[in-house]
All heavy atoms as atom14 arrays in JSON, in Angstrom:
{
  "sequence": "RGPNKFMYAGYFPGLSYERIFTEMDDLPLR",
  "atom14_mask": [
    [1, 1, 1, 1, 1, 1, 1, 1, 1, 1, 1, 0, 0, 0],
    [1, 1, 1, 1, 0, 0, 0, 0, 0, 0, 0, 0, 0, 0],
    [1, 1, 1, 1, 1, 1, 1, 0, 0, 0, 0, 0, 0, 0],
    [1, 1, 1, 1, 1, 1, 1, 1, 0, 0, 0, 0, 0, 0],
    [1, 1, 1, 1, 1, 1, 1, 1, 1, 0, 0, 0, 0, 0],
    [1, 1, 1, 1, 1, 1, 1, 1, 1, 1, 1, 0, 0, 0],
    [1, 1, 1, 1, 1, 1, 1, 1, 0, 0, 0, 0, 0, 0],
    [1, 1, 1, 1, 1, 1, 1, 1, 1, 1, 1, 1, 0, 0],
    [1, 1, 1, 1, 1, 0, 0, 0, 0, 0, 0, 0, 0, 0],
    [1, 1, 1, 1, 0, 0, 0, 0, 0, 0, 0, 0, 0, 0],
    [1, 1, 1, 1, 1, 1, 1, 1, 1, 1, 1, 1, 0, 0],
    [1, 1, 1, 1, 1, 1, 1, 1, 1, 1, 1, 0, 0, 0],
    [1, 1, 1, 1, 1, 1, 1, 0, 0, 0, 0, 0, 0, 0],
    [1, 1, 1, 1, 0, 0, 0, 0, 0, 0, 0, 0, 0, 0],
    [1, 1, 1, 1, 1, 1, 1, 1, 0, 0, 0, 0, 0, 0],
    [1, 1, 1, 1, 1, 1, 0, 0, 0, 0, 0, 0, 0, 0],
    [1, 1, 1, 1, 1, 1, 1, 1, 1, 1, 1, 1, 0, 0],
    [1, 1, 1, 1, 1, 1, 1, 1, 1, 0, 0, 0, 0, 0],
    [1, 1, 1, 1, 1, 1, 1, 1, 1, 1, 1, 0, 0, 0],
    [1, 1, 1, 1, 1, 1, 1, 1, 0, 0, 0, 0, 0, 0],
    [1, 1, 1, 1, 1, 1, 1, 1, 1, 1, 1, 0, 0, 0],
    [1, 1, 1, 1, 1, 1, 1, 0, 0, 0, 0, 0, 0, 0],
    [1, 1, 1, 1, 1, 1, 1, 1, 1, 0, 0, 0, 0, 0],
    [1, 1, 1, 1, 1, 1, 1, 1, 0, 0, 0, 0, 0, 0],
    [1, 1, 1, 1, 1, 1, 1, 1, 0, 0, 0, 0, 0, 0],
    [1, 1, 1, 1, 1, 1, 1, 1, 0, 0, 0, 0, 0, 0],
    [1, 1, 1, 1, 1, 1, 1, 1, 0, 0, 0, 0, 0, 0],
    [1, 1, 1, 1, 1, 1, 1, 0, 0, 0, 0, 0, 0, 0],
    [1, 1, 1, 1, 1, 1, 1, 1, 0, 0, 0, 0, 0, 0],
    [1, 1, 1, 1, 1, 1, 1, 1, 1, 1, 1, 0, 0, 0]
  ],
  "atom14_positions": [
    [[0.8, -1.3, 0.01], [-0.01, 0.01, 0.0], [0.81, 1.29, 0.11], [0.3, 2.36, -0.25], [-0.96, 0.01, 1.21], [-1.92, -1.27, 1.24], [-2.79, -1.1, 2.35], [-3.88, -0.2, 2.24], [-4.86, 0.02, 3.04], [-5.02, -0.67, 4.06], [-5.74, 0.86, 2.69], [0.0, 0.0, 0.0], [0.0, 0.0, 0.0], [0.0, 0.0, 0.0]],
    [[2.06, 1.22, 0.24], [2.83, 2.4, 0.46], [4.23, 2.55, -0.36], [5.32, 2.83, 0.13], [0.0, 0.0, 0.0], [0.0, 0.0, 0.0], [0.0, 0.0, 0.0], [0.0, 0.0, 0.0], [0.0, 0.0, 0.0], [0.0, 0.0, 0.0], [0.0, 0.0, 0.0], [0.0, 0.0, 0.0], [0.0, 0.0, 0.0], [0.0, 0.0, 0.0]],
    [[4.23, 2.04, -1.7], [5.46, 2.1, -2.45], [6.04, 3.57, -2.61], [7.25, 3.69, -2.93], [5.11, 1.54, -3.89], [3.45, 1.79, -3.92], [3.04, 1.61, -2.5], [0.0, 0.0, 0.0], [0.0, 0.0, 0.0], [0.0, 0.0, 0.0], [0.0, 0.0, 0.0], [0.0, 0.0, 0.0], [0.0, 0.0, 0.0], [0.0, 0.0, 0.0]],
    [[5.15, 4.5, -2.51], [5.66, 5.94, -2.58], [6.1, 6.51, -1.26], [6.47, 7.7, -1.29], [4.53, 6.8, -3.2], [4.1, 6.37, -4.6], [4.78, 5.94, -5.39], [2.84, 6.51, -4.81], [0.0, 0.0, 0.0], [0.0, 0.0, 0.0], [0.0, 0.0, 0.0], [0.0, 0.0, 0.0], [0.0, 0.0, 0.0], [0.0, 0.0, 0.0]],
    [[6.15, 5.84, -0.25], [6.51, 6.31, 1.06], [7.8, 5.94, 1.61], [8.3, 6.44, 2.57], [5.4, 5.81, 2.05], [3.9, 6.06, 1.82], [3.77, 7.56, 2.2], [2.3, 7.98, 2.31], [2.07, 9.22, 2.97], [0.0, 0.0, 0.0], [0.0, 0.0, 0.0], [0.0, 0.0, 0.0], [0.0, 0.0, 0.0], [0.0, 0.0, 0.0]],
    [[8.6, 4.9, 1.04], [9.75, 4.37, 1.45], [10.87, 4.87, 0.63], [10.81, 4.71, -0.51], [9.52, 2.83, 1.48], [10.63, 1.95, 2.27], [11.16, 2.5, 3.36], [11.09, 0.94, 1.59], [12.11, 1.79, 4.02], [12.0, 0.07, 2.26], [12.51, 0.42, 3.45], [0.0, 0.0, 0.0], [0.0, 0.0, 0.0], [0.0, 0.0, 0.0]],
    [[11.96, 5.4, 1.36], [13.18, 5.97, 0.51], [14.48, 5.76, 1.29], [14.53, 5.74, 2.45], [12.92, 7.36, 0.25], [12.56, 8.28, 1.47], [12.06, 9.95, 0.96], [10.39, 9.68, 0.54], [0.0, 0.0, 0.0], [0.0, 0.0, 0.0], [0.0, 0.0, 0.0], [0.0, 0.0, 0.0], [0.0, 0.0, 0.0], [0.0, 0.0, 0.0]],
    [[15.36, 5.42, 0.5], [16.7, 5.05, 0.91], [17.55, 6.18, 1.65], [17.48, 7.3, 1.3], [17.56, 4.47, -0.23], [19.02, 4.33, 0.15], [19.45, 3.41, 1.07], [19.98, 5.16, -0.43], [20.8, 3.4, 1.47], [21.31, 5.04, -0.11], [21.67, 4.05, 0.75], [23.07, 4.09, 1.1], [0.0, 0.0, 0.0], [0.0, 0.0, 0.0]],
    [[18.14, 5.88, 2.77], [19.06, 6.69, 3.47], [20.15, 5.91, 4.1], [19.99, 4.82, 4.74], [18.36, 7.53, 4.64], [0.0, 0.0, 0.0], [0.0, 0.0, 0.0], [0.0, 0.0, 0.0], [0.0, 0.0, 0.0], [0.0, 0.0, 0.0], [0.0, 0.0, 0.0], [0.0, 0.0, 0.0], [0.0, 0.0, 0.0], [0.0, 0.0, 0.0]],
    [[21.45, 6.31, 3.75], [22.51, 5.36, 4.02], [23.21, 5.44, 5.36], [23.56, 4.39, 6.01], [0.0, 0.0, 0.0], [0.0, 0.0, 0.0], [0.0, 0.0, 0.0], [0.0, 0.0, 0.0], [0.0, 0.0, 0.0], [0.0, 0.0, 0.0], [0.0, 0.0, 0.0], [0.0, 0.0, 0.0], [0.0, 0.0, 0.0], [0.0, 0.0, 0.0]],
    [[23.44, 6.63, 5.89], [24.05, 6.79, 7.23], [25.52, 6.67, 7.22], [26.07, 6.28, 8.26], [23.33, 5.96, 8.27], [23.48, 6.46, 9.67], [23.02, 7.62, 10.1], [24.18, 5.7, 10.69], [23.18, 8.14, 11.44], [24.38, 6.27, 11.92], [23.85, 7.45, 12.28], [24.07, 7.84, 13.65], [0.0, 0.0, 0.0], [0.0, 0.0, 0.0]],
    [[26.19, 6.8, 6.02], [27.6, 6.89, 6.16], [28.06, 8.14, 6.83], [27.51, 9.26, 6.58], [28.08, 6.94, 4.76], [29.74, 7.07, 4.63], [30.37, 5.9, 4.71], [30.34, 8.2, 4.48], [31.81, 6.04, 4.61], [31.66, 8.42, 4.44], [32.49, 7.18, 4.55], [0.0, 0.0, 0.0], [0.0, 0.0, 0.0], [0.0, 0.0, 0.0]],
    [[29.26, 8.08, 7.66], [30.05, 6.97, 7.93], [29.61, 6.11, 9.22], [30.47, 5.22, 9.55], [31.47, 7.73, 8.28], [30.81, 8.93, 8.98], [29.69, 9.35, 8.29], [0.0, 0.0, 0.0], [0.0, 0.0, 0.0], [0.0, 0.0, 0.0], [0.0, 0.0, 0.0], [0.0, 0.0, 0.0], [0.0, 0.0, 0.0], [0.0, 0.0, 0.0]],
    [[28.47, 6.29, 9.67], [28.04, 5.34, 10.7], [28.01, 3.93, 10.23], [28.24, 3.03, 10.99], [0.0, 0.0, 0.0], [0.0, 0.0, 0.0], [0.0, 0.0, 0.0], [0.0, 0.0, 0.0], [0.0, 0.0, 0.0], [0.0, 0.0, 0.0], [0.0, 0.0, 0.0], [0.0, 0.0, 0.0], [0.0, 0.0, 0.0], [0.0, 0.0, 0.0]],
    [[27.55, 3.76, 8.99], [27.58, 2.56, 8.28], [28.36, 2.61, 7.0], [28.36, 3.62, 6.33], [26.14, 2.11, 7.98], [25.19, 1.77, 9.23], [23.77, 1.66, 8.76], [25.66, 0.44, 9.88], [0.0, 0.0, 0.0], [0.0, 0.0, 0.0], [0.0, 0.0, 0.0], [0.0, 0.0, 0.0], [0.0, 0.0, 0.0], [0.0, 0.0, 0.0]],
    [[29.08, 1.56, 6.61], [29.73, 1.51, 5.45], [28.88, 1.27, 4.19], [27.87, 0.51, 4.34], [30.93, 0.64, 5.49], [30.42, -0.74, 5.36], [0.0, 0.0, 0.0], [0.0, 0.0, 0.0], [0.0, 0.0, 0.0], [0.0, 0.0, 0.0], [0.0, 0.0, 0.0], [0.0, 0.0, 0.0], [0.0, 0.0, 0.0], [0.0, 0.0, 0.0]],
    [[29.18, 1.77, 3.08], [28.56, 1.56, 1.8], [28.84, 0.15, 1.49], [27.83, -0.51, 0.89], [29.14, 2.48, 0.69], [28.28, 3.76, 0.43], [27.53, 4.29, 1.42], [28.42, 4.47, -0.74], [26.72, 5.42, 1.17], [27.75, 5.57, -1.06], [26.86, 6.13, 0.1], [26.09, 7.15, -0.3], [0.0, 0.0, 0.0], [0.0, 0.0, 0.0]],
    [[29.9, -0.41, 1.8], [30.03, -1.99, 1.47], [29.07, -2.76, 2.22], [28.4, -3.65, 1.52], [31.51, -2.38, 1.88], [32.55, -1.73, 0.98], [33.1, -0.43, 1.4], [32.49, 0.25, 2.38], [33.91, 0.12, 0.9], [0.0, 0.0, 0.0], [0.0, 0.0, 0.0], [0.0, 0.0, 0.0], [0.0, 0.0, 0.0], [0.0, 0.0, 0.0]],
    [[28.77, -2.46, 3.42], [27.78, -3.26, 4.26], [26.39, -2.94, 3.59], [25.6, -3.83, 3.49], [27.98, -2.96, 5.67], [26.85, -3.74, 6.37], [26.85, -3.54, 7.85], [25.85, -4.28, 8.59], [25.68, -4.31, 9.88], [26.41, -3.54, 10.74], [24.75, -5.0, 10.45], [0.0, 0.0, 0.0], [0.0, 0.0, 0.0], [0.0, 0.0, 0.0]],
    [[26.09, -1.64, 3.55], [24.7, -1.28, 3.08], [24.37, -2.0, 1.74], [23.26, -2.62, 1.72], [24.64, 0.27, 2.88], [24.75, 0.86, 4.25], [23.38, 0.62, 2.27], [25.02, 2.41, 4.35], [0.0, 0.0, 0.0], [0.0, 0.0, 0.0], [0.0, 0.0, 0.0], [0.0, 0.0, 0.0], [0.0, 0.0, 0.0], [0.0, 0.0, 0.0]],
    [[25.11, -1.85, 0.74], [24.81, -2.28, -0.54], [24.92, -3.77, -0.67], [24.16, -4.37, -1.49], [25.42, -1.51, -1.62], [25.01, -0.15, -1.96], [25.66, 0.99, -1.2], [23.77, 0.02, -2.65], [25.15, 2.28, -1.33], [23.38, 1.32, -2.75], [24.13, 2.43, -2.14], [0.0, 0.0, 0.0], [0.0, 0.0, 0.0], [0.0, 0.0, 0.0]],
    [[25.72, -4.4, 0.08], [25.72, -5.81, 0.07], [24.51, -6.47, 0.73], [23.86, -7.3, 0.15], [26.92, -6.37, 0.85], [28.17, -5.91, 0.25], [26.99, -7.87, 0.89], [0.0, 0.0, 0.0], [0.0, 0.0, 0.0], [0.0, 0.0, 0.0], [0.0, 0.0, 0.0], [0.0, 0.0, 0.0], [0.0, 0.0, 0.0], [0.0, 0.0, 0.0]],
    [[23.98, -5.9, 1.87], [22.92, -6.46, 2.47], [21.57, -5.99, 1.71], [20.6, -6.73, 1.76], [22.85, -5.89, 3.92], [23.94, -6.4, 4.82], [23.84, -5.94, 6.33], [22.78, -5.3, 6.61], [24.65, -6.28, 7.09], [0.0, 0.0, 0.0], [0.0, 0.0, 0.0], [0.0, 0.0, 0.0], [0.0, 0.0, 0.0], [0.0, 0.0, 0.0]],
    [[21.67, -4.9, 1.04], [20.46, -4.42, 0.34], [20.05, -5.48, -0.73], [18.93, -5.49, -0.94], [20.72, -2.98, -0.28], [19.44, -2.29, -0.66], [19.83, -0.82, -1.56], [20.44, 0.16, -0.18], [0.0, 0.0, 0.0], [0.0, 0.0, 0.0], [0.0, 0.0, 0.0], [0.0, 0.0, 0.0], [0.0, 0.0, 0.0], [0.0, 0.0, 0.0]],
    [[21.19, -6.15, -1.32], [20.66, -7.09, -2.29], [19.73, -8.2, -1.8], [19.02, -8.79, -2.66], [22.01, -7.78, -2.88], [22.86, -6.81, -3.69], [22.28, -5.87, -4.25], [24.08, -7.08, -3.72], [0.0, 0.0, 0.0], [0.0, 0.0, 0.0], [0.0, 0.0, 0.0], [0.0, 0.0, 0.0], [0.0, 0.0, 0.0], [0.0, 0.0, 0.0]],
    [[19.67, -8.32, -0.55], [18.68, -9.4, 0.0], [17.4, -8.73, 0.37], [16.48, -9.53, 1.0], [19.36, -10.13, 1.26], [20.66, -10.98, 0.74], [20.65, -11.51, -0.29], [21.57, -10.84, 1.58], [0.0, 0.0, 0.0], [0.0, 0.0, 0.0], [0.0, 0.0, 0.0], [0.0, 0.0, 0.0], [0.0, 0.0, 0.0], [0.0, 0.0, 0.0]],
    [[17.09, -7.49, 0.16], [15.77, -7.01, 0.52], [14.73, -7.56, -0.55], [14.85, -7.58, -1.67], [15.77, -5.5, 0.41], [16.61, -4.6, 1.53], [16.47, -3.25, 1.15], [16.03, -4.92, 2.97], [0.0, 0.0, 0.0], [0.0, 0.0, 0.0], [0.0, 0.0, 0.0], [0.0, 0.0, 0.0], [0.0, 0.0, 0.0], [0.0, 0.0, 0.0]],
    [[13.62, -8.05, 0.15], [12.57, -8.58, -0.57], [11.54, -7.47, -1.13], [10.27, -7.59, -0.96], [11.78, -9.47, 0.46], [12.03, -8.75, 1.76], [13.36, -8.2, 1.71], [0.0, 0.0, 0.0], [0.0, 0.0, 0.0], [0.0, 0.0, 0.0], [0.0, 0.0, 0.0], [0.0, 0.0, 0.0], [0.0, 0.0, 0.0], [0.0, 0.0, 0.0]],
    [[12.05, -6.56, -1.9], [11.33, -5.55, -2.39], [10.82, -5.95, -3.77], [11.48, -6.59, -4.62], [12.09, -4.2, -2.66], [12.53, -3.35, -1.42], [13.36, -2.32, -1.64], [11.12, -3.02, -0.55], [0.0, 0.0, 0.0], [0.0, 0.0, 0.0], [0.0, 0.0, 0.0], [0.0, 0.0, 0.0], [0.0, 0.0, 0.0], [0.0, 0.0, 0.0]],
    [[9.49, -5.6, -4.2], [9.02, -5.94, -5.37], [9.72, -5.05, -6.52], [10.25, -3.96, -6.31], [7.5, -5.78, -5.59], [6.85, -6.82, -4.52], [5.33, -6.6, -4.55], [4.61, -7.55, -3.73], [3.3, -7.66, -3.53], [2.49, -6.67, -4.04], [2.69, -8.62, -2.75], [0.0, 0.0, 0.0], [0.0, 0.0, 0.0], [0.0, 0.0, 0.0]]
  ]
}
C-alpha cells in the first residue's frame, strides 16, 4: 500500500557503503 512512502538513506560513515549495498541485495522488495 505504500510504495511511494519508503526511501533510501545510508548513514555513512556510521555504516559503510560496502555493508549497506551488500545487505540491500537481499531486501524482498518488489
